[in-house]
Amino acid sequence: MSAKVAGRCPMGCGETLFLGAGGYVTCSLDVCPRPDAATDILADGEAHHIVKIETKAFAVQHPLRERLDGELFDCSLHGWLTALSGPPKVLGTYRVRTPITARPNWSAAIWEATP
């Protein structure tokens, strides 16, 4: 029998996770729309913000760590971008690297273009 994993299925199935073959965290509910969702989320190694700058808007994909302690609701990068009078870079998608600190300096962040 596979070991039960503490936590909840990210698809909303409840406390249904177990450790499957090869160490994959899997949902045991037979109607789960994506039983491998927990494994895929844990495998996502992106530790930085991804920002998509469009003509009249921007979108931010936040790193998973911001879900801890409610930090996502007060993302300082989102606030910094909103306060700007225009886009900080040309249109495109960027990985925004800055040291992980309590109050990062977004104006000094490294903006790397991503495909």
C-alpha atoms as a PDB file:
ATOM      1  CA  MET A   1       0.000   0.000   0.000  1.00  0.00           C
ATOM      2  CA  SER A   2       1.273   3.493  -0.843  1.00  0.00           C
ATOM      3  CA  ALA A   3       1.900   6.046   1.866  1.00  0.00           C
ATOM      4  CA  LYS A   4      -0.690   8.750   2.428  1.00  0.00           C
ATOM      5  CA  VAL A   5       0.635  12.279   1.881  1.00  0.00           C
ATOM      6  CA  ALA A   6      -0.359  15.084   4.249  1.00  0.00           C
ATOM      7  CA  GLY A   7      -2.131  17.879   2.418  1.00  0.00           C
ATOM      8  CA  ARG A   8      -4.964  18.410  -0.005  1.00  0.00           C
ATOM      9  CA  CYS A   9      -5.314  17.822  -3.717  1.00  0.00           C
ATOM     10  CA  PRO A  10      -4.884  21.185  -5.512  1.00  0.00           C
ATOM     11  CA  MET A  11      -7.868  20.291  -7.737  1.00  0.00           C
ATOM     12  CA  GLY A  12     -10.243  20.443  -4.761  1.00  0.00           C
ATOM     13  CA  CYS A  13     -10.625  16.711  -4.108  1.00  0.00           C
ATOM     14  CA  GLY A  14      -9.698  16.959  -0.427  1.00  0.00           C
ATOM     15  CA  GLU A  15      -7.239  14.914   1.624  1.00  0.00           C
ATOM     16  CA  THR A  16      -6.772  12.328  -1.117  1.00  0.00           C
ATOM     17  CA  LEU A  17      -3.037  12.466  -1.818  1.00  0.00           C
ATOM     18  CA  PHE A  18      -0.737   9.475  -1.690  1.00  0.00           C
ATOM     19  CA  LEU A  19       2.824   8.712  -2.703  1.00  0.00           C
ATOM     20  CA  GLY A  20       2.629   6.853  -5.991  1.00  0.00           C
ATOM     21  CA  ALA A  21       5.166   4.898  -8.003  1.00  0.00           C
ATOM     22  CA  GLY A  22       8.446   6.720  -8.497  1.00  0.00           C
ATOM     23  CA  GLY A  23       7.718   9.123  -5.627  1.00  0.00           C
ATOM     24  CA  TYR A  24       4.967  11.036  -7.460  1.00  0.00           C
ATOM     25  CA  VAL A  25       2.376  12.731  -5.251  1.00  0.00           C
ATOM     26  CA  THR A  26      -0.947  11.634  -6.723  1.00  0.00           C
ATOM     27  CA  CYS A  27      -4.654  12.111  -6.011  1.00  0.00           C
ATOM     28  CA  SER A  28      -6.509   8.899  -5.250  1.00  0.00           C
ATOM     29  CA  LEU A  29      -9.969  10.173  -6.225  1.00  0.00           C
ATOM     30  CA  ASP A  30     -10.975   8.369  -9.409  1.00  0.00           C
ATOM     31  CA  VAL A  31     -12.794  11.421 -10.810  1.00  0.00           C
ATOM     32  CA  CYS A  32      -9.967  13.891 -10.146  1.00  0.00           C
ATOM     33  CA  PRO A  33      -9.532  15.953 -13.328  1.00  0.00           C
ATOM     34  CA  ARG A  34      -5.757  16.020 -12.871  1.00  0.00           C
ATOM     35  CA  PRO A  35      -4.408  13.457 -10.397  1.00  0.00           C
ATOM     36  CA  ASP A  36      -0.811  14.539 -11.072  1.00  0.00           C
ATOM     37  CA  ALA A  37      -1.425  18.235 -10.258  1.00  0.00           C
ATOM     38  CA  ALA A  38       0.427  18.173  -6.919  1.00  0.00           C
ATOM     39  CA  THR A  39       3.497  16.607  -8.508  1.00  0.00           C
ATOM     40  CA  ASP A  40       3.463  19.149 -11.344  1.00  0.00           C
ATOM     41  CA  ILE A  41       3.163  22.047  -8.906  1.00  0.00           C
ATOM     42  CA  LEU A  42       5.993  20.726  -6.743  1.00  0.00           C
ATOM     43  CA  ALA A  43       8.149  20.197  -9.832  1.00  0.00           C
ATOM     44  CA  ASP A  44       7.790  23.838 -10.912  1.00  0.00           C
ATOM     45  CA  GLY A  45      11.142  25.263  -9.893  1.00  0.00           C
ATOM     46  CA  GLU A  46      10.369  28.890 -10.811  1.00  0.00           C
ATOM     47  CA  ALA A  47      11.355  30.997  -7.817  1.00  0.00           C
ATOM     48  CA  HIS A  48      10.919  34.414  -9.438  1.00  0.00           C
ATOM     49  CA  HIS A  49       8.058  36.509 -10.749  1.00  0.00           C
ATOM     50  CA  ILE A  50       7.159  36.213 -14.409  1.00  0.00           C
ATOM     51  CA  VAL A  51       5.780  39.485 -15.805  1.00  0.00           C
ATOM     52  CA  LYS A  52       3.993  39.820 -19.121  1.00  0.00           C
ATOM     53  CA  ILE A  53       3.929  43.418 -20.340  1.00  0.00           C
ATOM     54  CA  GLU A  54       1.249  44.212 -22.889  1.00  0.00           C
ATOM     55  CA  THR A  55       0.224  47.454 -24.626  1.00  0.00           C
ATOM     56  CA  LYS A  56      -2.146  48.689 -21.908  1.00  0.00           C
ATOM     57  CA  ALA A  57      -1.758  46.129 -19.136  1.00  0.00           C
ATOM     58  CA  PHE A  58       0.542  43.737 -17.351  1.00  0.00           C
ATOM     59  CA  ALA A  59       0.112  40.327 -15.755  1.00  0.00           C
ATOM     60  CA  VAL A  60       2.195  38.771 -13.005  1.00  0.00           C
ATOM     61  CA  GLN A  61       2.723  35.067 -12.362  1.00  0.00           C
ATOM     62  CA  HIS A  62       3.833  34.942  -8.752  1.00  0.00           C
ATOM     63  CA  PRO A  63       6.266  32.391  -7.323  1.00  0.00           C
ATOM     64  CA  LEU A  64       4.589  29.752  -5.164  1.00  0.00           C
ATOM     65  CA  ARG A  65       6.349  31.012  -2.021  1.00  0.00           C
ATOM     66  CA  GLU A  66       4.061  34.047  -2.058  1.00  0.00           C
ATOM     67  CA  ARG A  67       1.134  31.770  -1.174  1.00  0.00           C
ATOM     68  CA  LEU A  68       2.691  31.277   2.257  1.00  0.00           C
ATOM     69  CA  ASP A  69       1.602  33.694   4.976  1.00  0.00           C
ATOM     70  CA  GLY A  70      -0.698  35.605   2.589  1.00  0.00           C
ATOM     71  CA  GLU A  71       2.162  37.497   0.919  1.00  0.00           C
ATOM     72  CA  LEU A  72       0.465  37.169  -2.461  1.00  0.00           C
ATOM     73  CA  PHE A  73      -2.232  39.643  -1.394  1.00  0.00           C
ATOM     74  CA  ASP A  74       0.406  42.309  -0.804  1.00  0.00           C
ATOM     75  CA  CYS A  75       2.896  41.610  -3.605  1.00  0.00           C
ATOM     76  CA  SER A  76       5.316  44.520  -3.682  1.00  0.00           C
ATOM     77  CA  LEU A  77       6.164  43.934  -7.374  1.00  0.00           C
ATOM     78  CA  HIS A  78       2.522  44.307  -8.353  1.00  0.00           C
ATOM     79  CA  GLY A  79       2.287  47.505  -6.328  1.00  0.00           C
ATOM     80  CA  TRP A  80       5.483  48.871  -7.870  1.00  0.00           C
ATOM     81  CA  LEU A  81       4.276  48.113 -11.420  1.00  0.00           C
ATOM     82  CA  THR A  82       0.881  49.704 -10.757  1.00  0.00           C
ATOM     83  CA  ALA A  83       2.509  52.914  -9.506  1.00  0.00           C
ATOM     84  CA  LEU A  84       4.652  53.381 -12.627  1.00  0.00           C
ATOM     85  CA  SER A  85       3.590  55.922 -15.261  1.00  0.00           C
ATOM     86  CA  GLY A  86       4.459  53.452 -18.029  1.00  0.00           C
ATOM     87  CA  PRO A  87       5.910  50.018 -18.619  1.00  0.00           C
ATOM     88  CA  PRO A  88       9.378  49.362 -17.174  1.00  0.00           C
ATOM     89  CA  LYS A  89      10.429  47.404 -20.285  1.00  0.00           C
ATOM     90  CA  VAL A  90       9.332  46.891 -23.886  1.00  0.00           C
ATOM     91  CA  LEU A  91       6.373  44.594 -24.517  1.00  0.00           C
ATOM     92  CA  GLY A  92       7.171  40.980 -23.758  1.00  0.00           C
ATOM     93  CA  THR A  93       7.479  38.393 -21.019  1.00  0.00           C
ATOM     94  CA  TYR A  94      10.202  38.621 -18.373  1.00  0.00           C
ATOM     95  CA  ARG A  95      11.580  36.716 -15.393  1.00  0.00           C
ATOM     96  CA  VAL A  96      12.159  39.368 -12.744  1.00  0.00           C
ATOM     97  CA  ARG A  97      15.086  38.481 -10.499  1.00  0.00           C
ATOM     98  CA  THR A  98      15.741  40.275  -7.268  1.00  0.00           C
ATOM     99  CA  PRO A  99      17.188  39.057  -3.980  1.00  0.00           C
ATOM    100  CA  ILE A 100      14.597  37.489  -1.707  1.00  0.00           C
ATOM    101  CA  THR A 101      14.270  40.096   1.032  1.00  0.00           C
ATOM    102  CA  ALA A 102      11.441  41.565   3.076  1.00  0.00           C
ATOM    103  CA  ARG A 103      11.179  44.634   0.793  1.00  0.00           C
ATOM    104  CA  PRO A 104      12.971  44.032  -2.520  1.00  0.00           C
ATOM    105  CA  ASN A 105      14.146  46.963  -4.631  1.00  0.00           C
ATOM    106  CA  TRP A 106      12.232  46.301  -7.857  1.00  0.00           C
ATOM    107  CA  SER A 107      13.849  49.203  -9.706  1.00  0.00           C
ATOM    108  CA  ALA A 108      17.186  47.375  -9.356  1.00  0.00           C
ATOM    109  CA  ALA A 109      15.801  43.966 -10.354  1.00  0.00           C
ATOM    110  CA  ILE A 110      17.167  42.016 -13.312  1.00  0.00           C
ATOM    111  CA  TRP A 111      14.592  41.624 -16.094  1.00  0.00           C
ATOM    112  CA  GLU A 112      15.364  38.585 -18.271  1.00  0.00           C
ATOM    113  CA  ALA A 113      13.334  38.083 -21.444  1.00  0.00           C
ATOM    114  CA  THR A 114      11.676  34.652 -21.535  1.00  0.00           C
ATOM    115  CA  PRO A 115      10.295  32.769 -24.517  1.00  0.00           C
END
